[in-house]
Amino acid sequence: MNKLKLFLLICLVSPMTNAAIELLDKVAVVVEDGIILESEVNKRIEQIVESLKQSETPLPPQEVLFEQIIERMIIEEIQLQKAQRAGVRISDQELNESMAQIAQGNGLSLQDFRSFLEEQGESYEFVREQVRKEMILSRIQRGLVQSKVYISEQELDNFIKSQEGQVNLSAEFL
């Protein structure tokens, strides 16, 4: 009976050892609870390089560009994690409105915008998720700034007494 178990075990394990291992992606950076994949870094580098070339801006050295992009992606990932913990969400309706505004800003209908993206080799869903991320980042950054703004009573009194304060607070009659 032991020989039979050993034979079955060898038969089961043997095909697994001969299977080719296919590397799909690599982890570039671990950020708290999240990761940044090498493919994401490469895509961001491609986007930045293309943008700099189109604006005829000289490219920085590759190491500098890589470091700056990684640093920016780490900051974004930390902010996205903070937003997730804080429950910041972008509804589908908000996202749809933003996508429609982007399309309109480019003089296109939403359907034409979608077709344009696909012609450029971009996935509409990918761009949509990028816009969602940007909206979340914007919300979390506004929240971070607003929570740090403090105006003392003395500063408020000084403004009210100033000429600029008097002008801004005066009633207008039509």
N, C-alpha and C. Protein backbone atom coordinates (compact mmCIF):
# COMPACT_ATOMS: atom_id res chain seq x y z
N MET A 1 0.82 -1.18 0.00
CA MET A 1 0.00 0.00 0.00
C MET A 1 0.87 1.25 0.00
N ASN A 2 1.95 1.27 0.73
CA ASN A 2 2.84 2.42 0.77
C ASN A 2 3.46 2.70 -0.59
N LYS A 3 3.78 1.64 -1.34
CA LYS A 3 4.34 1.82 -2.67
C LYS A 3 3.32 2.47 -3.60
N LEU A 4 2.05 2.12 -3.44
CA LEU A 4 0.99 2.69 -4.26
C LEU A 4 0.84 4.19 -3.97
N LYS A 5 0.87 4.56 -2.70
CA LYS A 5 0.77 5.98 -2.32
C LYS A 5 1.96 6.76 -2.87
N LEU A 6 3.14 6.20 -2.77
CA LEU A 6 4.34 6.85 -3.29
C LEU A 6 4.25 7.02 -4.79
N PHE A 7 3.78 5.99 -5.49
CA PHE A 7 3.63 6.05 -6.94
C PHE A 7 2.62 7.14 -7.33
N LEU A 8 1.47 7.20 -6.63
CA LEU A 8 0.46 8.22 -6.91
C LEU A 8 1.00 9.62 -6.64
N LEU A 9 1.74 9.76 -5.58
CA LEU A 9 2.34 11.06 -5.24
C LEU A 9 3.32 11.49 -6.32
N ILE A 10 4.13 10.58 -6.80
CA ILE A 10 5.09 10.90 -7.86
C ILE A 10 4.36 11.26 -9.14
N CYS A 11 3.27 10.55 -9.44
CA CYS A 11 2.50 10.85 -10.65
C CYS A 11 1.85 12.23 -10.57
N LEU A 12 1.41 12.61 -9.40
CA LEU A 12 0.77 13.91 -9.24
C LEU A 12 1.78 15.05 -9.27
N VAL A 13 2.91 14.88 -8.64
CA VAL A 13 3.92 15.92 -8.54
C VAL A 13 4.73 16.05 -9.82
N SER A 14 4.97 14.98 -10.51
CA SER A 14 5.82 14.97 -11.70
C SER A 14 5.37 15.97 -12.76
N PRO A 15 4.08 16.04 -13.15
CA PRO A 15 3.69 17.03 -14.16
C PRO A 15 3.93 18.47 -13.71
N MET A 16 3.81 18.72 -12.42
CA MET A 16 4.02 20.08 -11.91
C MET A 16 5.47 20.51 -12.02
N THR A 17 6.38 19.59 -11.86
CA THR A 17 7.79 19.95 -11.92
C THR A 17 8.24 20.22 -13.34
N ASN A 18 7.54 19.64 -14.32
CA ASN A 18 7.89 19.85 -15.71
C ASN A 18 7.19 21.06 -16.33
N ALA A 19 6.23 21.62 -15.63
CA ALA A 19 5.48 22.76 -16.16
C ALA A 19 6.39 23.99 -16.20
N ALA A 20 6.24 24.75 -17.27
CA ALA A 20 7.04 25.97 -17.41
C ALA A 20 6.45 27.07 -16.53
N ILE A 21 7.31 27.76 -15.87
CA ILE A 21 6.89 28.87 -15.02
C ILE A 21 6.93 30.14 -15.86
N GLU A 22 5.79 30.82 -15.91
CA GLU A 22 5.69 32.04 -16.71
C GLU A 22 5.61 33.24 -15.76
N LEU A 23 6.56 34.13 -15.88
CA LEU A 23 6.59 35.32 -15.05
C LEU A 23 5.65 36.36 -15.65
N LEU A 24 4.63 36.76 -14.88
CA LEU A 24 3.64 37.71 -15.38
C LEU A 24 4.04 39.15 -15.09
N ASP A 25 4.56 39.39 -13.92
CA ASP A 25 4.95 40.74 -13.52
C ASP A 25 5.83 40.63 -12.28
N LYS A 26 6.44 41.74 -11.92
CA LYS A 26 7.28 41.77 -10.73
C LYS A 26 6.80 42.88 -9.82
N VAL A 27 7.01 42.72 -8.54
CA VAL A 27 6.71 43.77 -7.58
C VAL A 27 7.89 44.74 -7.59
N ALA A 28 7.60 46.00 -7.86
CA ALA A 28 8.66 47.01 -7.88
C ALA A 28 8.87 47.59 -6.48
N VAL A 29 7.74 47.88 -5.78
CA VAL A 29 7.82 48.50 -4.46
C VAL A 29 6.66 48.00 -3.61
N VAL A 30 6.95 47.73 -2.34
CA VAL A 30 5.90 47.41 -1.37
C VAL A 30 5.67 48.68 -0.56
N VAL A 31 4.39 49.11 -0.52
CA VAL A 31 4.03 50.34 0.19
C VAL A 31 2.96 49.99 1.21
N GLU A 32 3.35 49.93 2.47
CA GLU A 32 2.44 49.57 3.55
C GLU A 32 1.63 48.33 3.17
N ASP A 33 0.32 48.50 2.90
CA ASP A 33 -0.54 47.35 2.60
C ASP A 33 -0.64 47.07 1.10
N GLY A 34 0.03 47.84 0.28
CA GLY A 34 -0.11 47.70 -1.16
C GLY A 34 1.22 47.46 -1.85
N ILE A 35 1.11 47.27 -3.16
CA ILE A 35 2.31 47.08 -3.97
C ILE A 35 2.20 47.92 -5.23
N ILE A 36 3.34 48.22 -5.79
CA ILE A 36 3.42 48.87 -7.09
C ILE A 36 4.16 47.89 -7.99
N LEU A 37 3.51 47.52 -9.08
CA LEU A 37 4.08 46.54 -9.99
C LEU A 37 5.06 47.20 -10.97
N GLU A 38 5.99 46.42 -11.42
CA GLU A 38 6.98 46.90 -12.39
C GLU A 38 6.30 47.38 -13.67
N SER A 39 5.24 46.69 -14.07
CA SER A 39 4.51 47.08 -15.29
C SER A 39 3.86 48.46 -15.11
N GLU A 40 3.40 48.77 -13.90
CA GLU A 40 2.80 50.08 -13.63
C GLU A 40 3.86 51.17 -13.72
N VAL A 41 5.04 50.89 -13.18
CA VAL A 41 6.15 51.85 -13.25
C VAL A 41 6.54 52.08 -14.70
N ASN A 42 6.68 51.01 -15.47
CA ASN A 42 7.07 51.13 -16.87
C ASN A 42 6.03 51.91 -17.67
N LYS A 43 4.76 51.66 -17.41
CA LYS A 43 3.70 52.38 -18.12
C LYS A 43 3.76 53.87 -17.78
N ARG A 44 3.97 54.19 -16.52
CA ARG A 44 4.05 55.60 -16.10
C ARG A 44 5.25 56.27 -16.74
N ILE A 45 6.39 55.56 -16.81
CA ILE A 45 7.59 56.11 -17.45
C ILE A 45 7.29 56.40 -18.92
N GLU A 46 6.64 55.46 -19.61
CA GLU A 46 6.30 55.66 -21.01
C GLU A 46 5.41 56.90 -21.19
N GLN A 47 4.42 57.05 -20.31
CA GLN A 47 3.50 58.18 -20.40
C GLN A 47 4.23 59.51 -20.19
N ILE A 48 5.11 59.55 -19.20
CA ILE A 48 5.85 60.78 -18.90
C ILE A 48 6.80 61.12 -20.04
N VAL A 49 7.53 60.13 -20.53
CA VAL A 49 8.47 60.36 -21.62
C VAL A 49 7.73 60.88 -22.85
N GLU A 50 6.60 60.25 -23.18
CA GLU A 50 5.81 60.69 -24.33
C GLU A 50 5.32 62.13 -24.14
N SER A 51 4.86 62.43 -22.94
CA SER A 51 4.38 63.78 -22.65
C SER A 51 5.50 64.81 -22.77
N LEU A 52 6.68 64.48 -22.26
CA LEU A 52 7.82 65.40 -22.34
C LEU A 52 8.26 65.59 -23.79
N LYS A 53 8.23 64.52 -24.57
CA LYS A 53 8.61 64.63 -25.98
C LYS A 53 7.62 65.51 -26.73
N GLN A 54 6.33 65.34 -26.48
CA GLN A 54 5.32 66.14 -27.16
C GLN A 54 5.43 67.62 -26.82
N SER A 55 5.80 67.91 -25.58
CA SER A 55 5.95 69.32 -25.18
C SER A 55 7.36 69.84 -25.45
N GLU A 56 8.16 69.01 -26.10
CA GLU A 56 9.55 69.35 -26.46
C GLU A 56 10.38 69.77 -25.24
N THR A 57 10.09 69.13 -24.11
CA THR A 57 10.84 69.36 -22.88
C THR A 57 11.98 68.36 -22.83
N PRO A 58 13.19 68.82 -22.51
CA PRO A 58 14.31 67.87 -22.46
C PRO A 58 14.08 66.81 -21.38
N LEU A 59 14.46 65.59 -21.70
CA LEU A 59 14.30 64.49 -20.76
C LEU A 59 15.40 64.54 -19.71
N PRO A 60 15.04 64.32 -18.44
CA PRO A 60 16.09 64.23 -17.41
C PRO A 60 16.81 62.89 -17.56
N PRO A 61 17.93 62.73 -16.89
CA PRO A 61 18.62 61.43 -16.94
C PRO A 61 17.66 60.32 -16.49
N GLN A 62 17.82 59.14 -17.06
CA GLN A 62 16.90 58.03 -16.82
C GLN A 62 16.79 57.69 -15.33
N GLU A 63 17.93 57.73 -14.60
CA GLU A 63 17.90 57.40 -13.17
C GLU A 63 17.05 58.41 -12.40
N VAL A 64 17.19 59.69 -12.76
CA VAL A 64 16.45 60.75 -12.08
C VAL A 64 14.95 60.59 -12.36
N LEU A 65 14.62 60.35 -13.61
CA LEU A 65 13.23 60.16 -14.01
C LEU A 65 12.63 58.97 -13.26
N PHE A 66 13.36 57.87 -13.21
CA PHE A 66 12.91 56.66 -12.53
C PHE A 66 12.65 56.94 -11.05
N GLU A 67 13.60 57.60 -10.39
CA GLU A 67 13.46 57.91 -8.96
C GLU A 67 12.26 58.81 -8.70
N GLN A 68 12.08 59.84 -9.54
CA GLN A 68 10.97 60.76 -9.34
C GLN A 68 9.63 60.06 -9.55
N ILE A 69 9.56 59.21 -10.54
CA ILE A 69 8.31 58.50 -10.81
C ILE A 69 8.00 57.53 -9.67
N ILE A 70 8.98 56.79 -9.22
CA ILE A 70 8.78 55.86 -8.10
C ILE A 70 8.32 56.63 -6.86
N GLU A 71 8.99 57.74 -6.57
CA GLU A 71 8.62 58.54 -5.40
C GLU A 71 7.17 59.02 -5.50
N ARG A 72 6.79 59.51 -6.68
CA ARG A 72 5.42 60.00 -6.88
C ARG A 72 4.42 58.86 -6.74
N MET A 73 4.75 57.69 -7.27
CA MET A 73 3.84 56.55 -7.19
C MET A 73 3.69 56.06 -5.74
N ILE A 74 4.76 56.13 -4.97
CA ILE A 74 4.69 55.75 -3.56
C ILE A 74 3.77 56.71 -2.81
N ILE A 75 3.93 58.00 -3.05
CA ILE A 75 3.08 59.00 -2.40
C ILE A 75 1.62 58.77 -2.77
N GLU A 76 1.36 58.52 -4.05
CA GLU A 76 -0.01 58.26 -4.50
C GLU A 76 -0.58 57.02 -3.82
N GLU A 77 0.22 55.96 -3.73
CA GLU A 77 -0.25 54.72 -3.11
C GLU A 77 -0.58 54.94 -1.63
N ILE A 78 0.26 55.69 -0.93
CA ILE A 78 -0.02 55.99 0.48
C ILE A 78 -1.31 56.79 0.61
N GLN A 79 -1.49 57.78 -0.27
CA GLN A 79 -2.71 58.59 -0.23
C GLN A 79 -3.94 57.75 -0.57
N LEU A 80 -3.83 56.86 -1.54
CA LEU A 80 -4.96 55.99 -1.89
C LEU A 80 -5.32 55.05 -0.74
N GLN A 81 -4.31 54.55 -0.04
CA GLN A 81 -4.57 53.70 1.11
C GLN A 81 -5.25 54.49 2.22
N LYS A 82 -4.79 55.72 2.43
CA LYS A 82 -5.40 56.58 3.44
C LYS A 82 -6.85 56.86 3.07
N ALA A 83 -7.10 57.13 1.79
CA ALA A 83 -8.46 57.39 1.32
C ALA A 83 -9.34 56.16 1.53
N GLN A 84 -8.80 54.99 1.25
CA GLN A 84 -9.57 53.76 1.44
C GLN A 84 -9.93 53.57 2.91
N ARG A 85 -8.96 53.80 3.80
CA ARG A 85 -9.22 53.67 5.23
C ARG A 85 -10.24 54.70 5.71
N ALA A 86 -10.23 55.89 5.09
CA ALA A 86 -11.16 56.96 5.47
C ALA A 86 -12.52 56.78 4.80
N GLY A 87 -12.63 55.82 3.90
CA GLY A 87 -13.90 55.57 3.24
C GLY A 87 -14.21 56.51 2.08
N VAL A 88 -13.18 57.14 1.51
CA VAL A 88 -13.39 58.04 0.38
C VAL A 88 -13.75 57.19 -0.84
N ARG A 89 -14.88 57.52 -1.43
CA ARG A 89 -15.35 56.78 -2.59
C ARG A 89 -15.79 57.76 -3.68
N ILE A 90 -15.68 57.35 -4.90
CA ILE A 90 -16.18 58.10 -6.04
C ILE A 90 -17.29 57.25 -6.65
N SER A 91 -18.49 57.80 -6.67
CA SER A 91 -19.62 57.04 -7.21
C SER A 91 -19.47 56.90 -8.72
N ASP A 92 -20.15 55.91 -9.26
CA ASP A 92 -20.13 55.71 -10.71
C ASP A 92 -20.73 56.93 -11.42
N GLN A 93 -21.74 57.53 -10.82
CA GLN A 93 -22.36 58.71 -11.42
C GLN A 93 -21.36 59.87 -11.49
N GLU A 94 -20.62 60.11 -10.41
CA GLU A 94 -19.59 61.16 -10.41
C GLU A 94 -18.53 60.88 -11.47
N LEU A 95 -18.13 59.63 -11.54
CA LEU A 95 -17.10 59.24 -12.49
C LEU A 95 -17.60 59.40 -13.92
N ASN A 96 -18.85 58.99 -14.17
CA ASN A 96 -19.44 59.15 -15.50
C ASN A 96 -19.50 60.62 -15.90
N GLU A 97 -19.86 61.48 -14.95
CA GLU A 97 -19.92 62.92 -15.23
C GLU A 97 -18.54 63.46 -15.56
N SER A 98 -17.54 63.03 -14.83
CA SER A 98 -16.17 63.47 -15.10
C SER A 98 -15.69 62.99 -16.46
N MET A 99 -15.99 61.75 -16.79
CA MET A 99 -15.58 61.22 -18.09
C MET A 99 -16.27 62.01 -19.22
N ALA A 100 -17.55 62.35 -19.01
CA ALA A 100 -18.28 63.13 -20.01
C ALA A 100 -17.67 64.52 -20.15
N GLN A 101 -17.26 65.12 -19.03
CA GLN A 101 -16.62 66.44 -19.08
C GLN A 101 -15.28 66.38 -19.80
N ILE A 102 -14.52 65.34 -19.56
CA ILE A 102 -13.23 65.18 -20.24
C ILE A 102 -13.46 65.04 -21.75
N ALA A 103 -14.44 64.22 -22.10
CA ALA A 103 -14.77 64.05 -23.53
C ALA A 103 -15.19 65.38 -24.13
N GLN A 104 -16.08 66.09 -23.44
CA GLN A 104 -16.57 67.38 -23.94
C GLN A 104 -15.43 68.38 -24.05
N GLY A 105 -14.52 68.36 -23.10
CA GLY A 105 -13.36 69.25 -23.14
C GLY A 105 -12.47 69.00 -24.35
N ASN A 106 -12.54 67.80 -24.87
CA ASN A 106 -11.79 67.44 -26.08
C ASN A 106 -12.65 67.54 -27.33
N GLY A 107 -13.85 68.10 -27.18
CA GLY A 107 -14.73 68.29 -28.32
C GLY A 107 -15.32 66.99 -28.85
N LEU A 108 -15.48 66.01 -27.98
CA LEU A 108 -15.98 64.70 -28.40
C LEU A 108 -17.18 64.28 -27.56
N SER A 109 -18.00 63.43 -28.13
CA SER A 109 -19.03 62.78 -27.32
C SER A 109 -18.32 61.69 -26.52
N LEU A 110 -19.01 61.17 -25.53
CA LEU A 110 -18.40 60.12 -24.71
C LEU A 110 -18.07 58.89 -25.56
N GLN A 111 -18.96 58.54 -26.47
CA GLN A 111 -18.71 57.38 -27.34
C GLN A 111 -17.52 57.63 -28.26
N ASP A 112 -17.43 58.86 -28.82
CA ASP A 112 -16.30 59.19 -29.68
C ASP A 112 -14.99 59.20 -28.89
N PHE A 113 -15.06 59.66 -27.64
CA PHE A 113 -13.89 59.68 -26.77
C PHE A 113 -13.42 58.26 -26.50
N ARG A 114 -14.38 57.39 -26.26
CA ARG A 114 -14.05 55.98 -26.02
C ARG A 114 -13.37 55.37 -27.25
N SER A 115 -13.93 55.66 -28.43
CA SER A 115 -13.35 55.16 -29.68
C SER A 115 -11.94 55.72 -29.90
N PHE A 116 -11.78 57.01 -29.61
CA PHE A 116 -10.48 57.65 -29.75
C PHE A 116 -9.44 56.98 -28.86
N LEU A 117 -9.80 56.70 -27.61
CA LEU A 117 -8.87 56.04 -26.69
C LEU A 117 -8.45 54.67 -27.23
N GLU A 118 -9.42 53.93 -27.71
CA GLU A 118 -9.13 52.59 -28.22
C GLU A 118 -8.25 52.65 -29.47
N GLU A 119 -8.46 53.69 -30.30
CA GLU A 119 -7.59 53.87 -31.48
C GLU A 119 -6.16 54.17 -31.05
N GLN A 120 -6.01 54.85 -29.91
CA GLN A 120 -4.69 55.18 -29.39
C GLN A 120 -4.05 54.02 -28.63
N GLY A 121 -4.77 52.92 -28.53
CA GLY A 121 -4.24 51.75 -27.84
C GLY A 121 -4.49 51.76 -26.34
N GLU A 122 -5.35 52.66 -25.88
CA GLU A 122 -5.68 52.74 -24.46
C GLU A 122 -7.03 52.09 -24.20
N SER A 123 -7.14 51.44 -23.10
CA SER A 123 -8.40 50.84 -22.70
C SER A 123 -9.25 51.91 -22.01
N TYR A 124 -10.51 52.02 -22.40
CA TYR A 124 -11.41 52.98 -21.77
C TYR A 124 -11.54 52.69 -20.28
N GLU A 125 -11.62 51.42 -19.92
CA GLU A 125 -11.74 51.04 -18.52
C GLU A 125 -10.50 51.45 -17.73
N PHE A 126 -9.32 51.31 -18.34
CA PHE A 126 -8.08 51.72 -17.67
C PHE A 126 -8.09 53.22 -17.42
N VAL A 127 -8.45 54.00 -18.45
CA VAL A 127 -8.49 55.46 -18.31
C VAL A 127 -9.53 55.85 -17.26
N ARG A 128 -10.65 55.17 -17.28
CA ARG A 128 -11.72 55.43 -16.31
C ARG A 128 -11.22 55.22 -14.88
N GLU A 129 -10.49 54.13 -14.66
CA GLU A 129 -9.95 53.87 -13.32
C GLU A 129 -8.87 54.88 -12.94
N GLN A 130 -8.09 55.34 -13.92
CA GLN A 130 -7.09 56.38 -13.66
C GLN A 130 -7.79 57.68 -13.23
N VAL A 131 -8.89 58.02 -13.89
CA VAL A 131 -9.65 59.22 -13.53
C VAL A 131 -10.23 59.06 -12.13
N ARG A 132 -10.72 57.87 -11.80
CA ARG A 132 -11.25 57.61 -10.45
C ARG A 132 -10.15 57.82 -9.41
N LYS A 133 -8.95 57.28 -9.70
CA LYS A 133 -7.82 57.45 -8.77
C LYS A 133 -7.49 58.93 -8.58
N GLU A 134 -7.45 59.67 -9.70
CA GLU A 134 -7.15 61.10 -9.62
C GLU A 134 -8.18 61.85 -8.80
N MET A 135 -9.44 61.47 -8.94
CA MET A 135 -10.50 62.12 -8.17
C MET A 135 -10.36 61.80 -6.68
N ILE A 136 -10.02 60.57 -6.37
CA ILE A 136 -9.81 60.18 -4.97
C ILE A 136 -8.61 60.93 -4.40
N LEU A 137 -7.51 60.97 -5.17
CA LEU A 137 -6.32 61.69 -4.71
C LEU A 137 -6.63 63.16 -4.47
N SER A 138 -7.40 63.75 -5.36
CA SER A 138 -7.77 65.15 -5.22
C SER A 138 -8.56 65.37 -3.94
N ARG A 139 -9.50 64.48 -3.67
CA ARG A 139 -10.31 64.60 -2.45
C ARG A 139 -9.46 64.46 -1.20
N ILE A 140 -8.58 63.48 -1.20
CA ILE A 140 -7.77 63.26 0.00
C ILE A 140 -6.79 64.41 0.20
N GLN A 141 -6.24 64.96 -0.89
CA GLN A 141 -5.31 66.09 -0.77
C GLN A 141 -6.03 67.33 -0.26
N ARG A 142 -7.25 67.58 -0.77
CA ARG A 142 -8.03 68.72 -0.27
C ARG A 142 -8.31 68.55 1.21
N GLY A 143 -8.65 67.32 1.60
CA GLY A 143 -8.92 67.04 3.01
C GLY A 143 -7.70 67.25 3.88
N LEU A 144 -6.53 66.85 3.38
CA LEU A 144 -5.29 67.04 4.14
C LEU A 144 -4.98 68.52 4.31
N VAL A 145 -5.19 69.30 3.27
CA VAL A 145 -4.89 70.72 3.34
C VAL A 145 -5.91 71.42 4.23
N GLN A 146 -7.20 71.12 4.03
CA GLN A 146 -8.23 71.78 4.82
C GLN A 146 -8.09 71.49 6.31
N SER A 147 -7.66 70.29 6.65
CA SER A 147 -7.53 69.94 8.06
C SER A 147 -6.35 70.65 8.72
N LYS A 148 -5.42 71.17 7.93
CA LYS A 148 -4.26 71.85 8.48
C LYS A 148 -4.41 73.37 8.48
N VAL A 149 -5.47 73.88 7.87
CA VAL A 149 -5.69 75.31 7.82
C VAL A 149 -6.35 75.74 9.13
N TYR A 150 -5.70 76.67 9.81
CA TYR A 150 -6.26 77.20 11.06
C TYR A 150 -6.14 78.72 11.01
N ILE A 151 -7.26 79.36 11.26
CA ILE A 151 -7.27 80.82 11.31
C ILE A 151 -7.64 81.23 12.72
N SER A 152 -6.74 81.95 13.36
CA SER A 152 -7.00 82.36 14.73
C SER A 152 -8.00 83.52 14.75
N GLU A 153 -8.58 83.76 15.93
CA GLU A 153 -9.53 84.87 16.05
C GLU A 153 -8.84 86.19 15.78
N GLN A 154 -7.58 86.30 16.19
CA GLN A 154 -6.82 87.54 15.97
C GLN A 154 -6.62 87.79 14.48
N GLU A 155 -6.29 86.73 13.74
CA GLU A 155 -6.12 86.87 12.29
C GLU A 155 -7.43 87.29 11.63
N LEU A 156 -8.53 86.72 12.09
CA LEU A 156 -9.85 87.07 11.55
C LEU A 156 -10.19 88.52 11.87
N ASP A 157 -9.95 88.95 13.10
CA ASP A 157 -10.19 90.35 13.49
C ASP A 157 -9.34 91.30 12.67
N ASN A 158 -8.07 90.95 12.48
CA ASN A 158 -7.17 91.80 11.69
C ASN A 158 -7.68 91.93 10.25
N PHE A 159 -8.15 90.84 9.68
CA PHE A 159 -8.66 90.89 8.31
C PHE A 159 -9.91 91.77 8.23
N ILE A 160 -10.81 91.59 9.17
CA ILE A 160 -12.05 92.38 9.16
C ILE A 160 -11.75 93.87 9.28
N LYS A 161 -10.75 94.24 10.06
CA LYS A 161 -10.39 95.64 10.26
C LYS A 161 -9.56 96.20 9.11
N SER A 162 -8.98 95.33 8.30
CA SER A 162 -8.14 95.81 7.20
C SER A 162 -8.99 96.41 6.09
N GLN A 163 -8.34 97.20 5.24
CA GLN A 163 -9.05 97.81 4.11
C GLN A 163 -9.60 96.74 3.17
N GLU A 164 -8.80 95.69 2.90
CA GLU A 164 -9.26 94.61 2.03
C GLU A 164 -10.47 93.91 2.63
N GLY A 165 -10.44 93.69 3.94
CA GLY A 165 -11.58 93.06 4.62
C GLY A 165 -12.82 93.92 4.54
N GLN A 166 -12.66 95.24 4.71
CA GLN A 166 -13.80 96.15 4.64
C GLN A 166 -14.43 96.11 3.24
N VAL A 167 -13.57 96.11 2.21
CA VAL A 167 -14.08 96.07 0.84
C VAL A 167 -14.81 94.76 0.57
N ASN A 168 -14.21 93.64 0.98
CA ASN A 168 -14.81 92.32 0.72
C ASN A 168 -16.08 92.08 1.53
N LEU A 169 -16.19 92.71 2.70
CA LEU A 169 -17.33 92.46 3.55
C LEU A 169 -18.43 93.52 3.42
N SER A 170 -18.17 94.58 2.69
CA SER A 170 -19.18 95.65 2.56
C SER A 170 -20.34 95.16 1.71
N ALA A 171 -21.51 95.67 2.05
CA ALA A 171 -22.73 95.30 1.31
C ALA A 171 -22.74 96.05 -0.01
N GLU A 172 -23.21 95.36 -1.04
CA GLU A 172 -23.34 95.99 -2.35
C GLU A 172 -24.80 96.22 -2.65
N PHE A 173 -25.10 97.41 -3.09
CA PHE A 173 -26.48 97.77 -3.44
C PHE A 173 -26.54 97.97 -4.94
N LEU A 174 -27.55 97.42 -5.56
CA LEU A 174 -27.72 97.59 -7.00
C LEU A 174 -28.80 98.56 -7.29
